[in-house]
C-alpha atoms as a PDB file:
ATOM      1  CA  UNK A   1       0.016   0.389  -0.260  1.00  0.00           C
ATOM      2  CA  UNK A   2       3.010   2.394   1.132  1.00  0.00           C
ATOM      3  CA  UNK A   3       4.591   1.646  -2.537  1.00  0.00           C
ATOM      4  CA  UNK A   4       1.044   2.043  -4.290  1.00  0.00           C
ATOM      5  CA  UNK A   5       0.676   5.890  -2.190  1.00  0.00           C
ATOM      6  CA  UNK A   6       3.687   6.898  -3.688  1.00  0.00           C
ATOM      7  CA  UNK A   7       3.327   6.021  -6.952  1.00  0.00           C
ATOM      8  CA  UNK A   8      -0.285   7.835  -6.981  1.00  0.00           C
ATOM      9  CA  UNK A   9       1.406  11.122  -5.351  1.00  0.00           C
ATOM     10  CA  UNK A  10       4.224  11.549  -8.098  1.00  0.00           C
ATOM     11  CA  UNK A  11       3.072  13.666 -11.019  1.00  0.00           C
ATOM     12  CA  UNK A  12       3.211  12.399 -14.444  1.00  0.00           C
ATOM     13  CA  UNK A  13       5.969  13.311 -16.536  1.00  0.00           C
ATOM     14  CA  UNK A  14       4.762  14.275 -19.301  1.00  0.00           C
ATOM     15  CA  UNK A  15       7.074  14.611 -22.524  1.00  0.00           C
ATOM     16  CA  UNK A  16       6.424  17.415 -24.893  1.00  0.00           C
ATOM     17  CA  UNK A  17       6.511  16.293 -28.606  1.00  0.00           C
ATOM     18  CA  UNK A  18       8.163  18.004 -31.638  1.00  0.00           C
ATOM     19  CA  UNK A  19       6.156  19.543 -34.134  1.00  0.00           C
ATOM     20  CA  UNK A  20       7.524  20.977 -37.095  1.00  0.00           C
ATOM     21  CA  UNK A  21       7.875  24.512 -38.234  1.00  0.00           C
ATOM     22  CA  UNK A  22       4.993  24.600 -40.753  1.00  0.00           C
ATOM     23  CA  UNK A  23       2.396  23.030 -38.243  1.00  0.00           C
ATOM     24  CA  UNK A  24      -0.524  25.275 -38.039  1.00  0.00           C
ATOM     25  CA  UNK A  25      -0.838  23.848 -34.607  1.00  0.00           C
ATOM     26  CA  UNK A  26       2.761  25.033 -33.203  1.00  0.00           C
ATOM     27  CA  UNK A  27       1.253  27.674 -31.246  1.00  0.00           C
ATOM     28  CA  UNK A  28      -1.615  25.756 -28.902  1.00  0.00           C
ATOM     29  CA  UNK A  29       0.884  23.098 -28.265  1.00  0.00           C
ATOM     30  CA  UNK A  30       3.664  25.377 -26.630  1.00  0.00           C
ATOM     31  CA  UNK A  31       0.357  26.596 -24.886  1.00  0.00           C
ATOM     32  CA  UNK A  32      -0.261  23.399 -23.683  1.00  0.00           C
ATOM     33  CA  UNK A  33       3.475  22.881 -22.539  1.00  0.00           C
ATOM     34  CA  UNK A  34       2.936  25.625 -20.832  1.00  0.00           C
ATOM     35  CA  UNK A  35       0.322  24.725 -18.818  1.00  0.00           C
ATOM     36  CA  UNK A  36       0.276  20.763 -19.161  1.00  0.00           C
ATOM     37  CA  UNK A  37      -0.436  21.344 -15.106  1.00  0.00           C
ATOM     38  CA  UNK A  38      -3.528  22.555 -15.269  1.00  0.00           C
ATOM     39  CA  UNK A  39      -4.579  20.421 -18.386  1.00  0.00           C
ATOM     40  CA  UNK A  40      -3.847  17.214 -16.222  1.00  0.00           C
ATOM     41  CA  UNK A  41      -6.561  18.894 -13.729  1.00  0.00           C
ATOM     42  CA  UNK A  42      -9.368  18.742 -16.621  1.00  0.00           C
ATOM     43  CA  UNK A  43     -11.991  16.632 -17.042  1.00  0.00           C
ATOM     44  CA  UNK A  44     -11.705  14.747 -20.151  1.00  0.00           C
ATOM     45  CA  UNK A  45     -14.686  16.525 -21.856  1.00  0.00           C
ATOM     46  CA  UNK A  46     -13.447  19.930 -20.972  1.00  0.00           C
ATOM     47  CA  UNK A  47      -9.660  18.482 -21.940  1.00  0.00           C
ATOM     48  CA  UNK A  48     -11.289  17.878 -25.508  1.00  0.00           C
ATOM     49  CA  UNK A  49     -13.012  21.091 -25.446  1.00  0.00           C
ATOM     50  CA  UNK A  50     -10.361  23.161 -25.160  1.00  0.00           C
ATOM     51  CA  UNK A  51      -8.050  21.186 -27.495  1.00  0.00           C
ATOM     52  CA  UNK A  52     -10.490  21.390 -30.511  1.00  0.00           C
ATOM     53  CA  UNK A  53     -10.974  25.570 -29.355  1.00  0.00           C
ATOM     54  CA  UNK A  54      -7.195  26.269 -29.162  1.00  0.00           C
ATOM     55  CA  UNK A  55      -7.123  24.264 -32.679  1.00  0.00           C
ATOM     56  CA  UNK A  56      -9.659  26.075 -34.552  1.00  0.00           C
ATOM     57  CA  UNK A  57      -8.223  29.823 -32.802  1.00  0.00           C
ATOM     58  CA  UNK A  58      -4.821  28.714 -34.644  1.00  0.00           C
ATOM     59  CA  UNK A  59      -6.190  27.947 -37.941  1.00  0.00           C
ATOM     60  CA  UNK A  60      -8.065  31.601 -37.484  1.00  0.00           C
ATOM     61  CA  UNK A  61      -4.371  33.199 -37.282  1.00  0.00           C
ATOM     62  CA  UNK A  62      -2.664  31.241 -40.143  1.00  0.00           C
ATOM     63  CA  UNK A  63      -3.533  32.949 -43.630  1.00  0.00           C
ATOM     64  CA  UNK A  64      -5.855  31.899 -45.963  1.00  0.00           C
ATOM     65  CA  UNK A  65      -5.103  30.370 -49.745  1.00  0.00           C
ATOM     66  CA  UNK A  66      -7.269  30.886 -52.321  1.00  0.00           C
ATOM     67  CA  UNK A  67      -6.797  28.011 -54.486  1.00  0.00           C
ATOM     68  CA  UNK A  68      -9.820  27.588 -57.016  1.00  0.00           C
ATOM     69  CA  UNK A  69      -9.195  25.140 -59.466  1.00  0.00           C
ATOM     70  CA  UNK A  70     -12.213  26.072 -61.238  1.00  0.00           C
ATOM     71  CA  UNK A  71     -10.850  30.022 -61.906  1.00  0.00           C
ATOM     72  CA  UNK A  72      -8.003  30.082 -64.565  1.00  0.00           C
ATOM     73  CA  UNK A  73      -4.871  31.753 -63.431  1.00  0.00           C
ATOM     74  CA  UNK A  74      -4.058  35.432 -64.366  1.00  0.00           C
ATOM     75  CA  UNK A  75      -0.405  36.132 -65.256  1.00  0.00           C
ATOM     76  CA  UNK A  76       1.160  39.672 -64.976  1.00  0.00           C
ATOM     77  CA  UNK A  77       3.199  40.258 -68.414  1.00  0.00           C
ATOM     78  CA  UNK A  78       6.008  43.067 -68.608  1.00  0.00           C
ATOM     79  CA  UNK A  79       3.850  45.423 -70.262  1.00  0.00           C
ATOM     80  CA  UNK A  80       1.482  45.610 -67.226  1.00  0.00           C
ATOM     81  CA  UNK A  81      -1.408  43.608 -68.679  1.00  0.00           C
ATOM     82  CA  UNK A  82      -2.905  40.454 -66.991  1.00  0.00           C
ATOM     83  CA  UNK A  83      -4.005  38.829 -69.679  1.00  0.00           C
ATOM     84  CA  UNK A  84      -2.497  37.828 -73.132  1.00  0.00           C
ATOM     85  CA  UNK A  85      -4.832  38.320 -76.273  1.00  0.00           C
ATOM     86  CA  UNK A  86      -4.139  35.661 -78.525  1.00  0.00           C
ATOM     87  CA  UNK A  87      -3.608  35.971 -81.890  1.00  0.00           C
ATOM     88  CA  UNK A  88      -5.111  36.040 -85.074  1.00  0.00           C
ATOM     89  CA  UNK A  89      -3.485  32.280 -85.873  1.00  0.00           C
ATOM     90  CA  UNK A  90      -4.177  31.273 -82.539  1.00  0.00           C
ATOM     91  CA  UNK A  91      -7.800  32.453 -82.349  1.00  0.00           C
ATOM     92  CA  UNK A  92      -8.800  31.217 -86.064  1.00  0.00           C
ATOM     93  CA  UNK A  93      -7.293  27.528 -85.196  1.00  0.00           C
ATOM     94  CA  UNK A  94      -4.239  28.555 -87.718  1.00  0.00           C
ATOM     95  CA  UNK A  95      -6.562  29.980 -90.680  1.00  0.00           C
ATOM     96  CA  UNK A  96      -4.342  33.041 -90.086  1.00  0.00           C
ATOM     97  CA  UNK A  97      -1.691  31.981 -92.685  1.00  0.00           C
ATOM     98  CA  UNK A  98      -4.904  31.386 -94.990  1.00  0.00           C
ATOM     99  CA  UNK A  99      -6.236  34.949 -94.516  1.00  0.00           C
ATOM    100  CA  UNK A 100      -2.852  36.803 -95.120  1.00  0.00           C
ATOM    101  CA  UNK A 101      -2.248  34.874 -97.876  1.00  0.00           C
ATOM    102  CA  UNK A 102      -5.918  35.539 -99.495  1.00  0.00           C
ATOM    103  CA  UNK A 103      -4.979  39.224 -98.635  1.00  0.00           C
ATOM    104  CA  UNK A 104      -2.079  38.824-100.695  1.00  0.00           C
ATOM    105  CA  UNK A 105      -3.482  36.984-103.775  1.00  0.00           C
ATOM    106  CA  UNK A 106      -6.039  40.048-103.780  1.00  0.00           C
ATOM    107  CA  UNK A 107      -3.467  42.657-103.827  1.00  0.00           C
ATOM    108  CA  UNK A 108      -1.726  41.438-106.085  1.00  0.00           C
ATOM    109  CA  UNK A 109      -4.677  41.020-108.466  1.00  0.00           C
ATOM    110  CA  UNK A 110      -5.869  44.406-107.662  1.00  0.00           C
ATOM    111  CA  UNK A 111      -1.594  45.480-108.610  1.00  0.00           C
ATOM    112  CA  UNK A 112      -2.585  43.853-112.003  1.00  0.00           C
ATOM    113  CA  UNK A 113      -5.942  45.349-112.593  1.00  0.00           C
ATOM    114  CA  UNK A 114      -4.453  49.021-112.348  1.00  0.00           C
ATOM    115  CA  UNK A 115      -0.550  48.298-114.405  1.00  0.00           C
ATOM    116  CA  UNK A 116      -3.115  46.702-116.931  1.00  0.00           C
ATOM    117  CA  UNK A 117      -5.278  49.723-117.112  1.00  0.00           C
ATOM    118  CA  UNK A 118      -2.310  52.389-116.811  1.00  0.00           C
ATOM    119  CA  UNK A 119      -0.185  50.826-119.546  1.00  0.00           C
ATOM    120  CA  UNK A 120      -4.016  50.143-121.439  1.00  0.00           C
ATOM    121  CA  UNK A 121      -4.987  53.780-121.373  1.00  0.00           C
ATOM    122  CA  UNK A 122      -0.788  55.220-121.945  1.00  0.00           C
ATOM    123  CA  UNK A 123      -0.423  52.774-125.328  1.00  0.00           C
ATOM    124  CA  UNK A 124      -3.750  54.227-126.447  1.00  0.00           C
ATOM    125  CA  UNK A 125      -2.980  57.848-125.590  1.00  0.00           C
ATOM    126  CA  UNK A 126       0.047  57.558-126.765  1.00  0.00           C
ATOM    127  CA  UNK A 127      -0.543  55.918-130.562  1.00  0.00           C
ATOM    128  CA  UNK A 128      -3.004  58.318-131.344  1.00  0.00           C
ATOM    129  CA  UNK A 129      -0.895  61.026-130.537  1.00  0.00           C
ATOM    130  CA  UNK A 130       2.036  59.412-133.177  1.00  0.00           C
ATOM    131  CA  UNK A 131      -0.435  58.024-135.711  1.00  0.00           C
ATOM    132  CA  UNK A 132      -2.174  61.118-136.323  1.00  0.00           C
ATOM    133  CA  UNK A 133      -0.728  61.098-139.780  1.00  0.00           C
ATOM    134  CA  UNK A 134      -0.467  57.893-140.427  1.00  0.00           C
ATOM    135  CA  UNK A 135      -2.677  58.334-143.833  1.00  0.00           C
ATOM    136  CA  UNK A 136       0.483  60.718-144.966  1.00  0.00           C
ATOM    137  CA  UNK A 137       3.440  58.475-144.294  1.00  0.00           C
ATOM    138  CA  UNK A 138       3.449  57.662-147.536  1.00  0.00           C
ATOM    139  CA  UNK A 139       7.458  58.524-148.146  1.00  0.00           C
ATOM    140  CA  UNK A 140       7.860  60.206-144.353  1.00  0.00           C
ATOM    141  CA  UNK A 141      10.824  59.871-142.489  1.00  0.00           C
ATOM    142  CA  UNK A 142      10.956  59.265-138.843  1.00  0.00           C
ATOM    143  CA  UNK A 143      12.435  62.601-138.457  1.00  0.00           C
ATOM    144  CA  UNK A 144       9.628  64.087-140.528  1.00  0.00           C
ATOM    145  CA  UNK A 145       7.149  62.022-139.210  1.00  0.00           C
ATOM    146  CA  UNK A 146       8.492  63.561-135.765  1.00  0.00           C
ATOM    147  CA  UNK A 147       8.592  67.149-136.550  1.00  0.00           C
ATOM    148  CA  UNK A 148       4.657  66.956-138.351  1.00  0.00           C
ATOM    149  CA  UNK A 149       3.325  64.788-134.849  1.00  0.00           C
ATOM    150  CA  UNK A 150       3.348  67.754-132.261  1.00  0.00           C
ATOM    151  CA  UNK A 151       1.178  70.209-135.002  1.00  0.00           C
ATOM    152  CA  UNK A 152      -1.206  68.125-136.435  1.00  0.00           C
ATOM    153  CA  UNK A 153      -2.292  67.165-132.681  1.00  0.00           C
ATOM    154  CA  UNK A 154      -2.568  70.916-131.886  1.00  0.00           C
ATOM    155  CA  UNK A 155      -4.609  71.305-135.397  1.00  0.00           C
ATOM    156  CA  UNK A 156      -6.417  68.689-134.489  1.00  0.00           C
ATOM    157  CA  UNK A 157      -7.178  69.678-130.922  1.00  0.00           C
ATOM    158  CA  UNK A 158      -8.368  73.170-132.628  1.00  0.00           C
ATOM    159  CA  UNK A 159     -11.213  71.399-134.332  1.00  0.00           C
ATOM    160  CA  UNK A 160     -12.583  69.469-132.001  1.00  0.00           C
ATOM    161  CA  UNK A 161     -12.676  72.774-130.290  1.00  0.00           C
ATOM    162  CA  UNK A 162     -14.807  74.411-132.795  1.00  0.00           C
ATOM    163  CA  UNK A 163     -16.970  70.945-133.410  1.00  0.00           C
ATOM    164  CA  UNK A 164     -17.809  70.694-130.352  1.00  0.00           C
ATOM    165  CA  UNK A 165     -16.070  72.830-127.601  1.00  0.00           C
ATOM    166  CA  UNK A 166     -17.758  71.596-124.298  1.00  0.00           C
ATOM    167  CA  UNK A 167     -17.255  68.318-124.777  1.00  0.00           C
ATOM    168  CA  UNK A 168     -13.771  68.322-125.626  1.00  0.00           C
ATOM    169  CA  UNK A 169     -12.619  70.483-122.549  1.00  0.00           C
ATOM    170  CA  UNK A 170     -14.734  68.078-120.473  1.00  0.00           C
ATOM    171  CA  UNK A 171     -12.878  65.485-121.875  1.00  0.00           C
ATOM    172  CA  UNK A 172      -9.387  67.247-120.963  1.00  0.00           C
ATOM    173  CA  UNK A 173     -10.783  68.053-117.860  1.00  0.00           C
ATOM    174  CA  UNK A 174     -11.388  64.668-116.715  1.00  0.00           C
ATOM    175  CA  UNK A 175      -8.021  62.746-118.103  1.00  0.00           C
ATOM    176  CA  UNK A 176      -6.128  65.828-116.009  1.00  0.00           C
ATOM    177  CA  UNK A 177      -8.554  65.352-112.761  1.00  0.00           C
ATOM    178  CA  UNK A 178      -7.689  61.431-113.114  1.00  0.00           C
ATOM    179  CA  UNK A 179      -3.946  61.734-113.564  1.00  0.00           C
ATOM    180  CA  UNK A 180      -3.963  64.774-110.827  1.00  0.00           C
ATOM    181  CA  UNK A 181      -5.960  62.244-107.669  1.00  0.00           C
ATOM    182  CA  UNK A 182      -3.113  59.418-108.972  1.00  0.00           C
ATOM    183  CA  UNK A 183      -0.053  61.474-108.590  1.00  0.00           C
ATOM    184  CA  UNK A 184      -1.698  62.570-105.802  1.00  0.00           C
ATOM    185  CA  UNK A 185      -1.871  59.216-104.540  1.00  0.00           C
ATOM    186  CA  UNK A 186       1.644  58.792-105.097  1.00  0.00           C
ATOM    187  CA  UNK A 187       2.536  61.370-103.362  1.00  0.00           C
ATOM    188  CA  UNK A 188       1.110  60.088-100.186  1.00  0.00           C
ATOM    189  CA  UNK A 189       3.500  57.037-100.453  1.00  0.00           C
ATOM    190  CA  UNK A 190       1.278  54.479-102.542  1.00  0.00           C
ATOM    191  CA  UNK A 191       2.757  52.339-104.904  1.00  0.00           C
ATOM    192  CA  UNK A 192       2.721  53.406-108.646  1.00  0.00           C
ATOM    193  CA  UNK A 193       0.286  50.564-109.528  1.00  0.00           C
ATOM    194  CA  UNK A 194      -0.585  49.958-105.862  1.00  0.00           C
ATOM    195  CA  UNK A 195      -3.426  53.093-106.248  1.00  0.00           C
ATOM    196  CA  UNK A 196      -7.576  53.426-105.429  1.00  0.00           C
ATOM    197  CA  UNK A 197      -9.325  52.657-108.408  1.00  0.00           C
ATOM    198  CA  UNK A 198     -12.445  54.062-107.142  1.00  0.00           C
ATOM    199  CA  UNK A 199     -11.019  57.503-105.477  1.00  0.00           C
ATOM    200  CA  UNK A 200      -9.414  58.028-109.085  1.00  0.00           C
ATOM    201  CA  UNK A 201     -12.435  57.087-110.900  1.00  0.00           C
ATOM    202  CA  UNK A 202     -14.484  59.767-108.573  1.00  0.00           C
ATOM    203  CA  UNK A 203     -11.990  62.726-108.920  1.00  0.00           C
ATOM    204  CA  UNK A 204     -12.166  62.041-112.896  1.00  0.00           C
ATOM    205  CA  UNK A 205     -15.796  62.153-113.263  1.00  0.00           C
ATOM    206  CA  UNK A 206     -15.771  65.258-111.127  1.00  0.00           C
ATOM    207  CA  UNK A 207     -13.751  66.504-113.781  1.00  0.00           C
ATOM    208  CA  UNK A 208     -15.196  65.837-116.570  1.00  0.00           C
ATOM    209  CA  UNK A 209     -18.910  66.059-115.603  1.00  0.00           C
ATOM    210  CA  UNK A 210     -18.248  69.667-114.114  1.00  0.00           C
ATOM    211  CA  UNK A 211     -14.972  71.592-114.661  1.00  0.00           C
ATOM    212  CA  UNK A 212     -14.669  71.351-118.274  1.00  0.00           C
ATOM    213  CA  UNK A 213     -18.456  72.224-118.701  1.00  0.00           C
ATOM    214  CA  UNK A 214     -18.169  75.019-116.189  1.00  0.00           C
ATOM    215  CA  UNK A 215     -15.005  76.373-117.001  1.00  0.00           C
ATOM    216  CA  UNK A 216     -16.022  76.794-120.424  1.00  0.00           C
ATOM    217  CA  UNK A 217     -18.924  78.900-119.478  1.00  0.00           C
ATOM    218  CA  UNK A 218     -17.359  80.999-117.225  1.00  0.00           C
ATOM    219  CA  UNK A 219     -14.349  82.143-118.887  1.00  0.00           C
ATOM    220  CA  UNK A 220     -17.382  83.266-121.304  1.00  0.00           C
ATOM    221  CA  UNK A 221     -18.563  84.589-118.460  1.00  0.00           C
ATOM    222  CA  UNK A 222     -15.650  86.437-117.701  1.00  0.00           C
ATOM    223  CA  UNK A 223     -14.817  87.786-120.452  1.00  0.00           C
ATOM    224  CA  UNK A 224     -18.499  89.744-120.322  1.00  0.00           C
ATOM    225  CA  UNK A 225     -18.145  91.140-117.068  1.00  0.00           C
ATOM    226  CA  UNK A 226     -14.908  92.865-117.646  1.00  0.00           C
ATOM    227  CA  UNK A 227     -15.116  93.457-121.267  1.00  0.00           C
ATOM    228  CA  UNK A 228     -12.749  96.457-121.890  1.00  0.00           C
ATOM    229  CA  UNK A 229      -9.021  96.404-122.790  1.00  0.00           C
ATOM    230  CA  UNK A 230      -7.203  98.584-120.446  1.00  0.00           C
ATOM    231  CA  UNK A 231      -3.830  97.645-118.047  1.00  0.00           C
ATOM    232  CA  UNK A 232      -6.402  96.947-115.161  1.00  0.00           C
ATOM    233  CA  UNK A 233      -8.600  94.153-116.707  1.00  0.00           C
ATOM    234  CA  UNK A 234      -5.764  91.564-116.339  1.00  0.00           C
ATOM    235  CA  UNK A 235      -5.340  92.113-111.790  1.00  0.00           C
ATOM    236  CA  UNK A 236      -9.113  92.373-111.721  1.00  0.00           C
ATOM    237  CA  UNK A 237     -10.349  88.766-113.648  1.00  0.00           C
ATOM    238  CA  UNK A 238      -7.514  87.002-111.477  1.00  0.00           C
ATOM    239  CA  UNK A 239      -8.790  88.911-108.240  1.00  0.00           C
ATOM    240  CA  UNK A 240     -12.257  87.928-109.260  1.00  0.00           C
ATOM    241  CA  UNK A 241     -11.091  84.786-110.242  1.00  0.00           C
ATOM    242  CA  UNK A 242      -9.615  83.567-107.013  1.00  0.00           C
ATOM    243  CA  UNK A 243     -12.220  84.926-104.535  1.00  0.00           C
ATOM    244  CA  UNK A 244     -15.778  84.339-106.141  1.00  0.00           C
ATOM    245  CA  UNK A 245     -14.745  81.580-108.930  1.00  0.00           C
ATOM    246  CA  UNK A 246     -12.390  79.656-106.289  1.00  0.00           C
ATOM    247  CA  UNK A 247     -14.498  79.826-103.551  1.00  0.00           C
ATOM    248  CA  UNK A 248     -17.608  78.671-105.743  1.00  0.00           C
ATOM    249  CA  UNK A 249     -15.564  75.701-107.238  1.00  0.00           C
ATOM    250  CA  UNK A 250     -13.871  74.417-104.377  1.00  0.00           C
ATOM    251  CA  UNK A 251     -16.760  73.953-102.638  1.00  0.00           C
ATOM    252  CA  UNK A 252     -18.123  72.439-105.593  1.00  0.00           C
ATOM    253  CA  UNK A 253     -15.952  69.898-105.544  1.00  0.00           C
ATOM    254  CA  UNK A 254     -15.847  68.405-101.832  1.00  0.00           C
ATOM    255  CA  UNK A 255     -19.597  68.444-101.835  1.00  0.00           C
ATOM    256  CA  UNK A 256     -19.697  66.359-104.994  1.00  0.00           C
ATOM    257  CA  UNK A 257     -16.580  64.206-103.941  1.00  0.00           C
ATOM    258  CA  UNK A 258     -18.758  64.052-100.567  1.00  0.00           C
ATOM    259  CA  UNK A 259     -21.553  62.247-101.863  1.00  0.00           C
ATOM    260  CA  UNK A 260     -19.933  60.331-104.130  1.00  0.00           C
ATOM    261  CA  UNK A 261     -17.892  58.722-100.846  1.00  0.00           C
ATOM    262  CA  UNK A 262     -21.620  58.182 -99.847  1.00  0.00           C
ATOM    263  CA  UNK A 263     -20.732  60.349 -96.500  1.00  0.00           C
ATOM    264  CA  UNK A 264     -23.707  62.599 -94.963  1.00  0.00           C
ATOM    265  CA  UNK A 265     -24.477  66.526 -95.179  1.00  0.00           C
ATOM    266  CA  UNK A 266     -23.080  66.966 -91.879  1.00  0.00           C
ATOM    267  CA  UNK A 267     -20.079  65.098 -92.569  1.00  0.00           C
ATOM    268  CA  UNK A 268     -19.527  66.989 -95.900  1.00  0.00           C
ATOM    269  CA  UNK A 269     -20.308  69.980 -93.974  1.00  0.00           C
ATOM    270  CA  UNK A 270     -17.726  69.607 -91.873  1.00  0.00           C
ATOM    271  CA  UNK A 271     -15.278  68.777 -94.359  1.00  0.00           C
ATOM    272  CA  UNK A 272     -15.981  72.080 -96.459  1.00  0.00           C
ATOM    273  CA  UNK A 273     -16.249  74.147 -92.794  1.00  0.00           C
ATOM    274  CA  UNK A 274     -12.807  72.685 -92.180  1.00  0.00           C
ATOM    275  CA  UNK A 275     -10.889  73.219 -95.643  1.00  0.00           C
ATOM    276  CA  UNK A 276     -12.443  75.886 -96.705  1.00  0.00           C
ATOM    277  CA  UNK A 277     -10.414  78.986 -95.921  1.00  0.00           C
ATOM    278  CA  UNK A 278      -6.915  76.986 -96.141  1.00  0.00           C
ATOM    279  CA  UNK A 279      -7.487  75.123 -99.840  1.00  0.00           C
ATOM    280  CA  UNK A 280      -8.409  79.382-100.986  1.00  0.00           C
ATOM    281  CA  UNK A 281      -5.478  80.920 -99.082  1.00  0.00           C
ATOM    282  CA  UNK A 282      -2.973  78.081-100.414  1.00  0.00           C
ATOM    283  CA  UNK A 283      -4.521  78.601-104.163  1.00  0.00           C
ATOM    284  CA  UNK A 284      -3.386  82.607-103.686  1.00  0.00           C
ATOM    285  CA  UNK A 285       0.129  81.037-103.789  1.00  0.00           C
ATOM    286  CA  UNK A 286      -0.165  79.517-106.942  1.00  0.00           C
ATOM    287  CA  UNK A 287      -2.972  80.837-109.132  1.00  0.00           C
ATOM    288  CA  UNK A 288      -2.265  84.460-109.468  1.00  0.00           C
ATOM    289  CA  UNK A 289       0.628  83.462-110.866  1.00  0.00           C
ATOM    290  CA  UNK A 290      -0.732  81.129-113.500  1.00  0.00           C
ATOM    291  CA  UNK A 291      -3.554  83.995-114.091  1.00  0.00           C
ATOM    292  CA  UNK A 292      -1.731  86.890-115.195  1.00  0.00           C
ATOM    293  CA  UNK A 293      -0.682  84.288-118.117  1.00  0.00           C
ATOM    294  CA  UNK A 294      -4.549  83.320-118.464  1.00  0.00           C
ATOM    295  CA  UNK A 295      -6.344  86.085-118.769  1.00  0.00           C
ATOM    296  CA  UNK A 296      -3.191  88.396-120.278  1.00  0.00           C
ATOM    297  CA  UNK A 297      -1.533  86.130-123.240  1.00  0.00           C
ATOM    298  CA  UNK A 298      -3.934  83.046-123.729  1.00  0.00           C
ATOM    299  CA  UNK A 299      -7.112  83.207-125.709  1.00  0.00           C
ATOM    300  CA  UNK A 300     -10.481  82.521-124.343  1.00  0.00           C
ATOM    301  CA  UNK A 301     -11.424  79.121-126.263  1.00  0.00           C
ATOM    302  CA  UNK A 302      -7.613  77.762-125.185  1.00  0.00           C
ATOM    303  CA  UNK A 303      -7.326  78.894-121.572  1.00  0.00           C
ATOM    304  CA  UNK A 304      -9.205  75.835-119.949  1.00  0.00           C
ATOM    305  CA  UNK A 305      -6.563  73.477-121.538  1.00  0.00           C
ATOM    306  CA  UNK A 306      -3.374  76.197-119.987  1.00  0.00           C
ATOM    307  CA  UNK A 307      -5.533  76.120-116.630  1.00  0.00           C
ATOM    308  CA  UNK A 308      -5.554  71.816-117.168  1.00  0.00           C
ATOM    309  CA  UNK A 309      -1.872  72.022-117.342  1.00  0.00           C
ATOM    310  CA  UNK A 310      -1.069  74.099-113.954  1.00  0.00           C
ATOM    311  CA  UNK A 311      -4.153  71.920-112.477  1.00  0.00           C
ATOM    312  CA  UNK A 312      -2.310  68.956-112.438  1.00  0.00           C
ATOM    313  CA  UNK A 313      -0.491  70.351-109.605  1.00  0.00           C
ATOM    314  CA  UNK A 314      -3.539  71.786-107.676  1.00  0.00           C
ATOM    315  CA  UNK A 315      -5.947  68.955-108.295  1.00  0.00           C
ATOM    316  CA  UNK A 316      -2.794  67.159-106.562  1.00  0.00           C
ATOM    317  CA  UNK A 317      -3.659  69.707-103.475  1.00  0.00           C
ATOM    318  CA  UNK A 318      -6.946  69.368-103.534  1.00  0.00           C
ATOM    319  CA  UNK A 319      -7.472  65.469-103.304  1.00  0.00           C
ATOM    320  CA  UNK A 320      -5.117  65.182-101.256  1.00  0.00           C
ATOM    321  CA  UNK A 321      -6.997  67.784 -98.680  1.00  0.00           C
ATOM    322  CA  UNK A 322      -9.811  66.012 -99.477  1.00  0.00           C
ATOM    323  CA  UNK A 323      -8.964  62.044 -98.805  1.00  0.00           C
ATOM    324  CA  UNK A 324      -6.738  63.219 -95.739  1.00  0.00           C
ATOM    325  CA  UNK A 325      -9.887  64.800 -94.314  1.00  0.00           C
ATOM    326  CA  UNK A 326     -12.304  61.975 -94.847  1.00  0.00           C
ATOM    327  CA  UNK A 327      -9.221  59.427 -93.953  1.00  0.00           C
ATOM    328  CA  UNK A 328      -9.126  61.328 -90.591  1.00  0.00           C
ATOM    329  CA  UNK A 329     -13.068  61.587 -90.251  1.00  0.00           C
ATOM    330  CA  UNK A 330     -13.405  57.723 -90.580  1.00  0.00           C
ATOM    331  CA  UNK A 331     -10.017  57.505 -88.205  1.00  0.00           C
ATOM    332  CA  UNK A 332     -11.223  59.242 -85.272  1.00  0.00           C
ATOM    333  CA  UNK A 333     -14.400  56.770 -83.998  1.00  0.00           C
ATOM    334  CA  UNK A 334     -12.426  54.215 -84.385  1.00  0.00           C
ATOM    335  CA  UNK A 335      -9.694  55.585 -82.164  1.00  0.00           C
ATOM    336  CA  UNK A 336     -11.846  56.799 -79.997  1.00  0.00           C
ATOM    337  CA  UNK A 337     -13.548  53.160 -79.586  1.00  0.00           C
ATOM    338  CA  UNK A 338     -10.460  52.129 -79.002  1.00  0.00           C
ATOM    339  CA  UNK A 339      -9.386  54.268 -76.118  1.00  0.00           C
ATOM    340  CA  UNK A 340     -12.985  53.354 -74.315  1.00  0.00           C
ATOM    341  CA  UNK A 341     -12.719  50.321 -74.626  1.00  0.00           C
ATOM    342  CA  UNK A 342      -9.038  49.861 -73.214  1.00  0.00           C
ATOM    343  CA  UNK A 343     -10.366  52.887 -69.993  1.00  0.00           C
ATOM    344  CA  UNK A 344     -13.003  49.968 -69.677  1.00  0.00           C
ATOM    345  CA  UNK A 345     -11.514  46.661 -69.965  1.00  0.00           C
ATOM    346  CA  UNK A 346     -14.148  44.052 -69.611  1.00  0.00           C
ATOM    347  CA  UNK A 347     -14.622  41.679 -66.238  1.00  0.00           C
END
């Protein structure tokens, strides 16, 4: 009995357990070591509740890791974006190469059509100019052919002016306006045979239908308005031309081109308002010097031919201004939409 009493009086030795450093219940274990004597005095039910509560508190202290397997991980790229947009080839399932090939075929076919148009019309024009005297070539030398070709072409032009003056001037203006727009497109950086056929056709159509006929009647009206031969008539005609007529014709050109591009009246008015004064003042740098010759030297029936030769430069400026404004107006909504989409990314 004494041995049993001595054993019962001894305190039980609780050996501390070692836990890994990363164990989430390490604080509770340490706490249990410090309060091991009190723990032994608790009844089994209270002891179990105390251990469960300590483990629960330790779990709350540990940082949460929200790892959802069904949510894709978002990577952070060097440019600051959290997502990487797929290329067109990946989205299209590998059909990007086919699209590029199709675009290349379209470009090549368009260039071939443009080259055919240029070479065809150029060959026709040169052959008509060089073979105007083919009925009289019998016995002529090459020197005689080249000598009389310019003279006889000029005679043929004068005969056409006497027979159908309006039609002849319309044809000249249509050709000049088409070539002028082609030069404008090449000046803007397009390759020689990569021009916009529709745009060139629109410009040539305006020159053929409006400029030739209106200019024919305008020069006759100008002669009737200033019938005198005094020294002040030429400066007066130049001033009238570069104020009244230039304003009217520039407005007609932009309005008609806008309608041919199927634009709304509001856009046409906006373009006309933005380009009216710059184009009028730009004309003052070229046309006053040219019109000193127009109204001082050139006869009335020949004035349009001289003016059309100068207009190869002027139509280039007109066409460049008009299409720059149109392309800028088309680009603005696209840029606004892109900026809005970048500022408001989809959730």
